[in-house]
Amino acid sequence: MSFVQIQCTRCKSVFRDRAGRLQDGYSRQCPSCEVVLFFAEDSQHPFVKRAMRNARKARKEQREAEAARRVAPEPRAARSFAGRGRSVDRED
């Protein structure tokens, strides 16, 4: 799960939200000044543009990483038994 930093258009504070949520038509309230931010692909505000661009990039990287994992699954590690074994020299 990847997160994107968002800068408020009113109070300029920075907060974060999930990249998967940050899509066209999404709205979020700033945690410090409580103004509602609307995220749209055609927004002219540079803070919204940057957040949308970073979210697209993060979603793309996440999709590529998942596709790479499906194509080449990680090899399973051999089991190691770190417990106490029987001692050959043991006298009863």
PDB file of N, CA and C in Angstrom:
ATOM      1  N   MET A   1       0.844  -1.162   0.000  1.00  0.00           N
ATOM      2  CA  MET A   1       0.000   0.000   0.000  1.00  0.00           C
ATOM      3  C   MET A   1       0.898   1.237   0.000  1.00  0.00           C
ATOM      4  N   SER A   2       0.674   2.086  -0.965  1.00  0.00           N
ATOM      5  CA  SER A   2       1.513   3.274  -1.057  1.00  0.00           C
ATOM      6  C   SER A   2       0.698   4.521  -0.731  1.00  0.00           C
ATOM      7  N   PHE A   3       1.399   5.486  -0.202  1.00  0.00           N
ATOM      8  CA  PHE A   3       0.771   6.728   0.216  1.00  0.00           C
ATOM      9  C   PHE A   3       1.350   7.890  -0.573  1.00  0.00           C
ATOM     10  N   VAL A   4       0.570   8.961  -0.688  1.00  0.00           N
ATOM     11  CA  VAL A   4       0.967  10.168  -1.402  1.00  0.00           C
ATOM     12  C   VAL A   4       0.820  11.348  -0.454  1.00  0.00           C
ATOM     13  N   GLN A   5       1.797  12.238  -0.485  1.00  0.00           N
ATOM     14  CA  GLN A   5       1.700  13.443   0.333  1.00  0.00           C
ATOM     15  C   GLN A   5       0.870  14.488  -0.411  1.00  0.00           C
ATOM     16  N   ILE A   6       0.010  15.154   0.331  1.00  0.00           N
ATOM     17  CA  ILE A   6      -0.886  16.169  -0.227  1.00  0.00           C
ATOM     18  C   ILE A   6      -0.665  17.456   0.546  1.00  0.00           C
ATOM     19  N   GLN A   7      -0.539  18.556  -0.184  1.00  0.00           N
ATOM     20  CA  GLN A   7      -0.404  19.850   0.466  1.00  0.00           C
ATOM     21  C   GLN A   7      -1.733  20.587   0.335  1.00  0.00           C
ATOM     22  N   CYS A   8      -2.226  21.095   1.452  1.00  0.00           N
ATOM     23  CA  CYS A   8      -3.513  21.785   1.468  1.00  0.00           C
ATOM     24  C   CYS A   8      -3.420  23.074   0.657  1.00  0.00           C
ATOM     25  N   THR A   9      -4.472  23.367  -0.080  1.00  0.00           N
ATOM     26  CA  THR A   9      -4.498  24.576  -0.910  1.00  0.00           C
ATOM     27  C   THR A   9      -4.761  25.823  -0.076  1.00  0.00           C
ATOM     28  N   ARG A  10      -5.272  25.645   1.138  1.00  0.00           N
ATOM     29  CA  ARG A  10      -5.597  26.799   1.978  1.00  0.00           C
ATOM     30  C   ARG A  10      -4.528  27.072   3.033  1.00  0.00           C
ATOM     31  N   CYS A  11      -4.241  26.089   3.892  1.00  0.00           N
ATOM     32  CA  CYS A  11      -3.326  26.328   5.015  1.00  0.00           C
ATOM     33  C   CYS A  11      -1.898  25.857   4.725  1.00  0.00           C
ATOM     34  N   LYS A  12      -1.679  25.198   3.599  1.00  0.00           N
ATOM     35  CA  LYS A  12      -0.360  24.722   3.150  1.00  0.00           C
ATOM     36  C   LYS A  12       0.216  23.608   4.010  1.00  0.00           C
ATOM     37  N   SER A  13      -0.567  23.029   4.908  1.00  0.00           N
ATOM     38  CA  SER A  13      -0.062  21.902   5.696  1.00  0.00           C
ATOM     39  C   SER A  13      -0.008  20.656   4.804  1.00  0.00           C
ATOM     40  N   VAL A  14       0.856  19.723   5.175  1.00  0.00           N
ATOM     41  CA  VAL A  14       1.042  18.508   4.384  1.00  0.00           C
ATOM     42  C   VAL A  14       0.486  17.325   5.168  1.00  0.00           C
ATOM     43  N   PHE A  15      -0.311  16.499   4.486  1.00  0.00           N
ATOM     44  CA  PHE A  15      -0.829  15.269   5.060  1.00  0.00           C
ATOM     45  C   PHE A  15      -0.756  14.197   3.988  1.00  0.00           C
ATOM     46  N   ARG A  16      -1.090  12.972   4.326  1.00  0.00           N
ATOM     47  CA  ARG A  16      -0.979  11.918   3.338  1.00  0.00           C
ATOM     48  C   ARG A  16      -2.261  11.128   3.224  1.00  0.00           C
ATOM     49  N   ASP A  17      -2.422  10.488   2.066  1.00  0.00           N
ATOM     50  CA  ASP A  17      -3.576   9.654   1.800  1.00  0.00           C
ATOM     51  C   ASP A  17      -3.135   8.521   0.881  1.00  0.00           C
ATOM     52  N   ARG A  18      -3.917   7.481   0.813  1.00  0.00           N
ATOM     53  CA  ARG A  18      -3.582   6.335  -0.035  1.00  0.00           C
ATOM     54  C   ARG A  18      -3.637   6.716  -1.503  1.00  0.00           C
ATOM     55  N   ALA A  19      -2.682   6.220  -2.263  1.00  0.00           N
ATOM     56  CA  ALA A  19      -2.625   6.527  -3.695  1.00  0.00           C
ATOM     57  C   ALA A  19      -3.814   5.931  -4.436  1.00  0.00           C
ATOM     58  N   GLY A  20      -4.327   4.817  -3.965  1.00  0.00           N
ATOM     59  CA  GLY A  20      -5.478   4.184  -4.610  1.00  0.00           C
ATOM     60  C   GLY A  20      -6.741   5.013  -4.510  1.00  0.00           C
ATOM     61  N   ARG A  21      -6.873   5.773  -3.456  1.00  0.00           N
ATOM     62  CA  ARG A  21      -8.056   6.623  -3.273  1.00  0.00           C
ATOM     63  C   ARG A  21      -7.992   7.889  -4.109  1.00  0.00           C
ATOM     64  N   LEU A  22      -6.814   8.389  -4.332  1.00  0.00           N
ATOM     65  CA  LEU A  22      -6.618   9.696  -4.951  1.00  0.00           C
ATOM     66  C   LEU A  22      -6.819   9.611  -6.464  1.00  0.00           C
ATOM     67  N   GLN A  23      -8.073   9.617  -6.878  1.00  0.00           N
ATOM     68  CA  GLN A  23      -8.418   9.543  -8.288  1.00  0.00           C
ATOM     69  C   GLN A  23      -9.393  10.649  -8.631  1.00  0.00           C
ATOM     70  N   ASP A  24      -9.707  10.780  -9.899  1.00  0.00           N
ATOM     71  CA  ASP A  24     -10.596  11.830 -10.383  1.00  0.00           C
ATOM     72  C   ASP A  24     -11.955  11.731  -9.678  1.00  0.00           C
ATOM     73  N   GLY A  25     -12.387  12.837  -9.067  1.00  0.00           N
ATOM     74  CA  GLY A  25     -13.666  12.882  -8.378  1.00  0.00           C
ATOM     75  C   GLY A  25     -13.581  12.649  -6.880  1.00  0.00           C
ATOM     76  N   TYR A  26     -12.402  12.373  -6.372  1.00  0.00           N
ATOM     77  CA  TYR A  26     -12.217  12.120  -4.937  1.00  0.00           C
ATOM     78  C   TYR A  26     -12.149  13.448  -4.190  1.00  0.00           C
ATOM     79  N   SER A  27     -12.706  13.498  -2.992  1.00  0.00           N
ATOM     80  CA  SER A  27     -12.604  14.692  -2.153  1.00  0.00           C
ATOM     81  C   SER A  27     -12.132  14.278  -0.773  1.00  0.00           C
ATOM     82  N   ARG A  28     -11.381  15.153  -0.151  1.00  0.00           N
ATOM     83  CA  ARG A  28     -10.789  14.860   1.160  1.00  0.00           C
ATOM     84  C   ARG A  28     -10.753  16.139   1.976  1.00  0.00           C
ATOM     85  N   GLN A  29     -10.999  16.020   3.255  1.00  0.00           N
ATOM     86  CA  GLN A  29     -10.962  17.166   4.142  1.00  0.00           C
ATOM     87  C   GLN A  29      -9.568  17.293   4.742  1.00  0.00           C
ATOM     88  N   CYS A  30      -9.035  18.511   4.757  1.00  0.00           N
ATOM     89  CA  CYS A  30      -7.723  18.766   5.356  1.00  0.00           C
ATOM     90  C   CYS A  30      -7.835  18.537   6.862  1.00  0.00           C
ATOM     91  N   PRO A  31      -6.914  17.772   7.447  1.00  0.00           N
ATOM     92  CA  PRO A  31      -7.011  17.508   8.882  1.00  0.00           C
ATOM     93  C   PRO A  31      -6.750  18.726   9.763  1.00  0.00           C
ATOM     94  N   SER A  32      -6.066  19.761   9.253  1.00  0.00           N
ATOM     95  CA  SER A  32      -5.799  20.897  10.135  1.00  0.00           C
ATOM     96  C   SER A  32      -6.782  22.049   9.957  1.00  0.00           C
ATOM     97  N   CYS A  33      -7.120  22.450   8.750  1.00  0.00           N
ATOM     98  CA  CYS A  33      -8.033  23.590   8.585  1.00  0.00           C
ATOM     99  C   CYS A  33      -9.448  23.158   8.177  1.00  0.00           C
ATOM    100  N   GLU A  34      -9.634  21.876   7.893  1.00  0.00           N
ATOM    101  CA  GLU A  34     -10.924  21.278   7.577  1.00  0.00           C
ATOM    102  C   GLU A  34     -11.571  21.786   6.292  1.00  0.00           C
ATOM    103  N   VAL A  35     -10.800  22.362   5.379  1.00  0.00           N
ATOM    104  CA  VAL A  35     -11.330  22.725   4.072  1.00  0.00           C
ATOM    105  C   VAL A  35     -11.423  21.436   3.244  1.00  0.00           C
ATOM    106  N   VAL A  36     -12.429  21.336   2.390  1.00  0.00           N
ATOM    107  CA  VAL A  36     -12.599  20.149   1.556  1.00  0.00           C
ATOM    108  C   VAL A  36     -11.831  20.357   0.254  1.00  0.00           C
ATOM    109  N   LEU A  37     -10.932  19.423  -0.041  1.00  0.00           N
ATOM    110  CA  LEU A  37     -10.144  19.457  -1.281  1.00  0.00           C
ATOM    111  C   LEU A  37     -10.781  18.511  -2.286  1.00  0.00           C
ATOM    112  N   PHE A  38     -10.953  18.983  -3.503  1.00  0.00           N
ATOM    113  CA  PHE A  38     -11.506  18.163  -4.570  1.00  0.00           C
ATOM    114  C   PHE A  38     -10.390  17.831  -5.544  1.00  0.00           C
ATOM    115  N   PHE A  39     -10.263  16.559  -5.869  1.00  0.00           N
ATOM    116  CA  PHE A  39      -9.206  16.098  -6.765  1.00  0.00           C
ATOM    117  C   PHE A  39      -9.800  15.761  -8.116  1.00  0.00           C
ATOM    118  N   ALA A  40      -9.319  16.476  -9.139  1.00  0.00           N
ATOM    119  CA  ALA A  40      -9.781  16.252 -10.502  1.00  0.00           C
ATOM    120  C   ALA A  40      -8.575  16.267 -11.432  1.00  0.00           C
ATOM    121  N   GLU A  41      -8.661  15.486 -12.493  1.00  0.00           N
ATOM    122  CA  GLU A  41      -7.553  15.400 -13.451  1.00  0.00           C
ATOM    123  C   GLU A  41      -7.270  16.746 -14.119  1.00  0.00           C
ATOM    124  N   ASP A  42      -8.314  17.552 -14.324  1.00  0.00           N
ATOM    125  CA  ASP A  42      -8.136  18.823 -15.036  1.00  0.00           C
ATOM    126  C   ASP A  42      -8.001  20.022 -14.087  1.00  0.00           C
ATOM    127  N   SER A  43      -7.637  19.773 -12.832  1.00  0.00           N
ATOM    128  CA  SER A  43      -7.475  20.854 -11.870  1.00  0.00           C
ATOM    129  C   SER A  43      -6.312  21.764 -12.254  1.00  0.00           C
ATOM    130  N   GLN A  44      -6.456  23.046 -11.984  1.00  0.00           N
ATOM    131  CA  GLN A  44      -5.408  24.009 -12.315  1.00  0.00           C
ATOM    132  C   GLN A  44      -4.496  24.311 -11.133  1.00  0.00           C
ATOM    133  N   HIS A  45      -4.857  23.869  -9.930  1.00  0.00           N
ATOM    134  CA  HIS A  45      -4.052  24.163  -8.756  1.00  0.00           C
ATOM    135  C   HIS A  45      -2.819  23.262  -8.732  1.00  0.00           C
ATOM    136  N   PRO A  46      -1.637  23.841  -8.561  1.00  0.00           N
ATOM    137  CA  PRO A  46      -0.407  23.034  -8.625  1.00  0.00           C
ATOM    138  C   PRO A  46      -0.301  21.965  -7.531  1.00  0.00           C
ATOM    139  N   PHE A  47      -0.860  22.204  -6.336  1.00  0.00           N
ATOM    140  CA  PHE A  47      -0.787  21.207  -5.265  1.00  0.00           C
ATOM    141  C   PHE A  47      -1.621  19.978  -5.619  1.00  0.00           C
ATOM    142  N   VAL A  48      -2.793  20.213  -6.197  1.00  0.00           N
ATOM    143  CA  VAL A  48      -3.669  19.113  -6.595  1.00  0.00           C
ATOM    144  C   VAL A  48      -3.044  18.368  -7.773  1.00  0.00           C
ATOM    145  N   LYS A  49      -2.492  19.109  -8.729  1.00  0.00           N
ATOM    146  CA  LYS A  49      -1.836  18.477  -9.878  1.00  0.00           C
ATOM    147  C   LYS A  49      -0.704  17.566  -9.428  1.00  0.00           C
ATOM    148  N   ARG A  50       0.124  18.059  -8.502  1.00  0.00           N
ATOM    149  CA  ARG A  50       1.268  17.283  -8.025  1.00  0.00           C
ATOM    150  C   ARG A  50       0.800  16.020  -7.315  1.00  0.00           C
ATOM    151  N   ALA A  51      -0.232  16.147  -6.464  1.00  0.00           N
ATOM    152  CA  ALA A  51      -0.746  14.985  -5.739  1.00  0.00           C
ATOM    153  C   ALA A  51      -1.319  13.947  -6.704  1.00  0.00           C
ATOM    154  N   MET A  52      -2.048  14.388  -7.714  1.00  0.00           N
ATOM    155  CA  MET A  52      -2.629  13.462  -8.693  1.00  0.00           C
ATOM    156  C   MET A  52      -1.528  12.781  -9.502  1.00  0.00           C
ATOM    157  N   ARG A  53      -0.512  13.517  -9.897  1.00  0.00           N
ATOM    158  CA  ARG A  53       0.600  12.953 -10.663  1.00  0.00           C
ATOM    159  C   ARG A  53       1.356  11.913  -9.822  1.00  0.00           C
ATOM    160  N   ASN A  54       1.624  12.242  -8.561  1.00  0.00           N
ATOM    161  CA  ASN A  54       2.327  11.305  -7.686  1.00  0.00           C
ATOM    162  C   ASN A  54       1.490  10.049  -7.412  1.00  0.00           C
ATOM    163  N   ALA A  55       0.182  10.206  -7.298  1.00  0.00           N
ATOM    164  CA  ALA A  55      -0.695   9.058  -7.070  1.00  0.00           C
ATOM    165  C   ALA A  55      -0.711   8.145  -8.295  1.00  0.00           C
ATOM    166  N   ARG A  56      -0.786   8.722  -9.491  1.00  0.00           N
ATOM    167  CA  ARG A  56      -0.737   7.915 -10.722  1.00  0.00           C
ATOM    168  C   ARG A  56       0.564   7.130 -10.801  1.00  0.00           C
ATOM    169  N   LYS A  57       1.666   7.811 -10.477  1.00  0.00           N
ATOM    170  CA  LYS A  57       2.981   7.173 -10.516  1.00  0.00           C
ATOM    171  C   LYS A  57       3.068   6.036  -9.498  1.00  0.00           C
ATOM    172  N   ALA A  58       2.569   6.257  -8.294  1.00  0.00           N
ATOM    173  CA  ALA A  58       2.608   5.232  -7.242  1.00  0.00           C
ATOM    174  C   ALA A  58       1.745   4.029  -7.617  1.00  0.00           C
ATOM    175  N   ARG A  59       0.555   4.277  -8.179  1.00  0.00           N
ATOM    176  CA  ARG A  59      -0.312   3.163  -8.599  1.00  0.00           C
ATOM    177  C   ARG A  59       0.344   2.356  -9.713  1.00  0.00           C
ATOM    178  N   LYS A  60       0.994   3.048 -10.650  1.00  0.00           N
ATOM    179  CA  LYS A  60       1.674   2.361 -11.752  1.00  0.00           C
ATOM    180  C   LYS A  60       2.812   1.494 -11.233  1.00  0.00           C
ATOM    181  N   GLU A  61       3.625   2.036 -10.322  1.00  0.00           N
ATOM    182  CA  GLU A  61       4.729   1.262  -9.751  1.00  0.00           C
ATOM    183  C   GLU A  61       4.205   0.056  -8.980  1.00  0.00           C
ATOM    184  N   GLN A  62       3.106   0.230  -8.271  1.00  0.00           N
ATOM    185  CA  GLN A  62       2.535  -0.871  -7.516  1.00  0.00           C
ATOM    186  C   GLN A  62       2.016  -1.966  -8.453  1.00  0.00           C
ATOM    187  N   ARG A  63       1.348  -1.583  -9.554  1.00  0.00           N
ATOM    188  CA  ARG A  63       0.874  -2.568 -10.532  1.00  0.00           C
ATOM    189  C   ARG A  63       2.037  -3.331 -11.148  1.00  0.00           C
ATOM    190  N   GLU A  64       3.119  -2.608 -11.499  1.00  0.00           N
ATOM    191  CA  GLU A  64       4.280  -3.256 -12.106  1.00  0.00           C
ATOM    192  C   GLU A  64       4.944  -4.222 -11.134  1.00  0.00           C
ATOM    193  N   ALA A  65       5.028  -3.851  -9.867  1.00  0.00           N
ATOM    194  CA  ALA A  65       5.629  -4.736  -8.864  1.00  0.00           C
ATOM    195  C   ALA A  65       4.783  -5.994  -8.680  1.00  0.00           C
ATOM    196  N   GLU A  66       3.460  -5.844  -8.671  1.00  0.00           N
ATOM    197  CA  GLU A  66       2.585  -7.008  -8.529  1.00  0.00           C
ATOM    198  C   GLU A  66       2.688  -7.915  -9.749  1.00  0.00           C
ATOM    199  N   ALA A  67       2.779  -7.331 -10.940  1.00  0.00           N
ATOM    200  CA  ALA A  67       2.916  -8.136 -12.160  1.00  0.00           C
ATOM    201  C   ALA A  67       4.240  -8.892 -12.155  1.00  0.00           C
ATOM    202  N   ALA A  68       5.298  -8.249 -11.705  1.00  0.00           N
ATOM    203  CA  ALA A  68       6.603  -8.905 -11.651  1.00  0.00           C
ATOM    204  C   ALA A  68       6.581 -10.055 -10.645  1.00  0.00           C
ATOM    205  N   ARG A  69       5.867  -9.886  -9.541  1.00  0.00           N
ATOM    206  CA  ARG A  69       5.763 -10.962  -8.552  1.00  0.00           C
ATOM    207  C   ARG A  69       4.991 -12.152  -9.091  1.00  0.00           C
ATOM    208  N   ARG A  70       3.959 -11.884  -9.903  1.00  0.00           N
ATOM    209  CA  ARG A  70       3.182 -12.977 -10.484  1.00  0.00           C
ATOM    210  C   ARG A  70       3.988 -13.747 -11.512  1.00  0.00           C
ATOM    211  N   VAL A  71       4.806 -13.051 -12.292  1.00  0.00           N
ATOM    212  CA  VAL A  71       5.592 -13.697 -13.336  1.00  0.00           C
ATOM    213  C   VAL A  71       6.705 -14.546 -12.731  1.00  0.00           C
ATOM    214  N   ALA A  72       7.432 -13.999 -11.790  1.00  0.00           N
ATOM    215  CA  ALA A  72       8.547 -14.709 -11.164  1.00  0.00           C
ATOM    216  C   ALA A  72       8.319 -14.792  -9.658  1.00  0.00           C
ATOM    217  N   PRO A  73       7.643 -15.849  -9.206  1.00  0.00           N
ATOM    218  CA  PRO A  73       7.419 -15.958  -7.764  1.00  0.00           C
ATOM    219  C   PRO A  73       8.736 -16.167  -7.027  1.00  0.00           C
ATOM    220  N   GLU A  74       8.763 -15.691  -5.810  1.00  0.00           N
ATOM    221  CA  GLU A  74       9.977 -15.799  -5.011  1.00  0.00           C
ATOM    222  C   GLU A  74      10.235 -17.260  -4.657  1.00  0.00           C
ATOM    223  N   PRO A  75      11.489 -17.685  -4.721  1.00  0.00           N
ATOM    224  CA  PRO A  75      11.781 -19.076  -4.351  1.00  0.00           C
ATOM    225  C   PRO A  75      11.574 -19.283  -2.857  1.00  0.00           C
ATOM    226  N   ARG A  76      11.098 -20.453  -2.529  1.00  0.00           N
ATOM    227  CA  ARG A  76      10.857 -20.749  -1.114  1.00  0.00           C
ATOM    228  C   ARG A  76      12.169 -21.086  -0.433  1.00  0.00           C
ATOM    229  N   ALA A  77      12.328 -20.580   0.737  1.00  0.00           N
ATOM    230  CA  ALA A  77      13.536 -20.841   1.502  1.00  0.00           C
ATOM    231  C   ALA A  77      13.476 -22.251   2.079  1.00  0.00           C
ATOM    232  N   ALA A  78      14.616 -22.901   2.143  1.00  0.00           N
ATOM    233  CA  ALA A  78      14.671 -24.241   2.722  1.00  0.00           C
ATOM    234  C   ALA A  78      14.435 -24.139   4.222  1.00  0.00           C
ATOM    235  N   ARG A  79      13.748 -25.101   4.748  1.00  0.00           N
ATOM    236  CA  ARG A  79      13.472 -25.088   6.182  1.00  0.00           C
ATOM    237  C   ARG A  79      14.737 -25.395   6.963  1.00  0.00           C
ATOM    238  N   SER A  80      14.913 -24.687   8.014  1.00  0.00           N
ATOM    239  CA  SER A  80      16.034 -25.003   8.898  1.00  0.00           C
ATOM    240  C   SER A  80      15.464 -25.282  10.274  1.00  0.00           C
ATOM    241  N   PHE A  81      15.918 -26.356  10.850  1.00  0.00           N
ATOM    242  CA  PHE A  81      15.466 -26.725  12.176  1.00  0.00           C
ATOM    243  C   PHE A  81      16.545 -26.301  13.149  1.00  0.00           C
ATOM    244  N   ALA A  82      16.286 -25.237  13.873  1.00  0.00           N
ATOM    245  CA  ALA A  82      17.276 -24.682  14.773  1.00  0.00           C
ATOM    246  C   ALA A  82      17.129 -25.229  16.190  1.00  0.00           C
ATOM    247  N   GLY A  83      16.218 -26.164  16.356  1.00  0.00           N
ATOM    248  CA  GLY A  83      15.997 -26.708  17.693  1.00  0.00           C
ATOM    249  C   GLY A  83      17.124 -27.639  18.108  1.00  0.00           C
ATOM    250  N   ARG A  84      17.022 -28.129  19.311  1.00  0.00           N
ATOM    251  CA  ARG A  84      18.048 -29.042  19.811  1.00  0.00           C
ATOM    252  C   ARG A  84      17.911 -30.387  19.131  1.00  0.00           C
ATOM    253  N   GLY A  85      19.017 -30.899  18.700  1.00  0.00           N
ATOM    254  CA  GLY A  85      19.003 -32.218  18.080  1.00  0.00           C
ATOM    255  C   GLY A  85      19.486 -33.269  19.057  1.00  0.00           C
ATOM    256  N   ARG A  86      19.408 -34.498  18.643  1.00  0.00           N
ATOM    257  CA  ARG A  86      19.890 -35.568  19.517  1.00  0.00           C
ATOM    258  C   ARG A  86      21.393 -35.622  19.468  1.00  0.00           C
ATOM    259  N   SER A  87      21.990 -35.784  20.572  1.00  0.00           N
ATOM    260  CA  SER A  87      23.430 -35.851  20.647  1.00  0.00           C
ATOM    261  C   SER A  87      23.881 -37.287  20.550  1.00  0.00           C
ATOM    262  N   VAL A  88      24.868 -37.549  19.722  1.00  0.00           N
ATOM    263  CA  VAL A  88      25.375 -38.900  19.552  1.00  0.00           C
ATOM    264  C   VAL A  88      26.201 -39.313  20.761  1.00  0.00           C
ATOM    265  N   ASP A  89      26.913 -38.387  21.367  1.00  0.00           N
ATOM    266  CA  ASP A  89      27.802 -38.677  22.492  1.00  0.00           C
ATOM    267  C   ASP A  89      27.091 -38.728  23.836  1.00  0.00           C
ATOM    268  N   ARG A  90      25.834 -38.636  23.817  1.00  0.00           N
ATOM    269  CA  ARG A  90      25.072 -38.539  25.051  1.00  0.00           C
ATOM    270  C   ARG A  90      25.077 -39.859  25.819  1.00  0.00           C
ATOM    271  N   GLU A  91      25.377 -39.774  27.096  1.00  0.00           N
ATOM    272  CA  GLU A  91      25.382 -40.960  27.945  1.00  0.00           C
ATOM    273  C   GLU A  91      24.212 -40.894  28.899  1.00  0.00           C
ATOM    274  N   ASP A  92      23.516 -41.971  29.087  1.00  0.00           N
ATOM    275  CA  ASP A  92      22.359 -42.002  29.991  1.00  0.00           C
ATOM    276  C   ASP A  92      22.698 -42.621  31.288  1.00  0.00           C
TER     277      ASP A  92
END
